[in-house]
Amino acid sequence: MASSRLERIGNIYTRVRGLLRSGAMKPEDKPIWYDVYEAFPPKIEPQYGRTASEITIRPIFYPEDVIRAKFYERFGSPGLISLANNEYPTPCQKFLDRYKEMEKDFSDESELFEAVVKVMEDEKSVAESSSSNQPDRGTSMASMFSAAVNKSQPQPKINFGDLLTEK
């Protein structure tokens, strides 16, 4: 029976439209994309036999992308990063900022990269020694979650005895 549903006959839009018209699909069950497709139909109707257009795709690279690639190649991924927390920049972003600051002092990119690595390592060792007696800032996912829970509204206390007694 599945061979009667050929992809070559129609696209998904025409099939869903047919189901809606015949009543086989209820209007409240129609897919989310259906109204968008009707409001903004494609310029060229998607068909099975249509050949792809010949468009040259330009590579989009920024100068920072090369530096990021070198950074992650050398140091690897730092693990989980919370994109919701804009308070603390990622290690890679710190590295990029320092790289841009020191860029005018060096002509060779490899020397600049190594100099930034050395400066960052020195700063890290100084920061670790100064913060060894201070508690962690709390930038991990678990600490951010617990901080959010602690900031939430206090929940009312429920007495289970009151729940079980009839009034």
Foldseek 3Di string as FASTA:
>chain_A
DVVVDDQQPAHPLVVLVVCPVVVVADPVRRDPCNVVCVVPPDPDHDGDPDDDDDDDDDDDDDPLVVVLVVVCVVPNDPPDADPVDPPDDDPSVVLVVLLVVCVVVDDDPVVSSVVSVVVVVVVVVVVCVVCVVPDDPQRDPVSVVVVVVVPDDDDDDDDVVVVPDDD
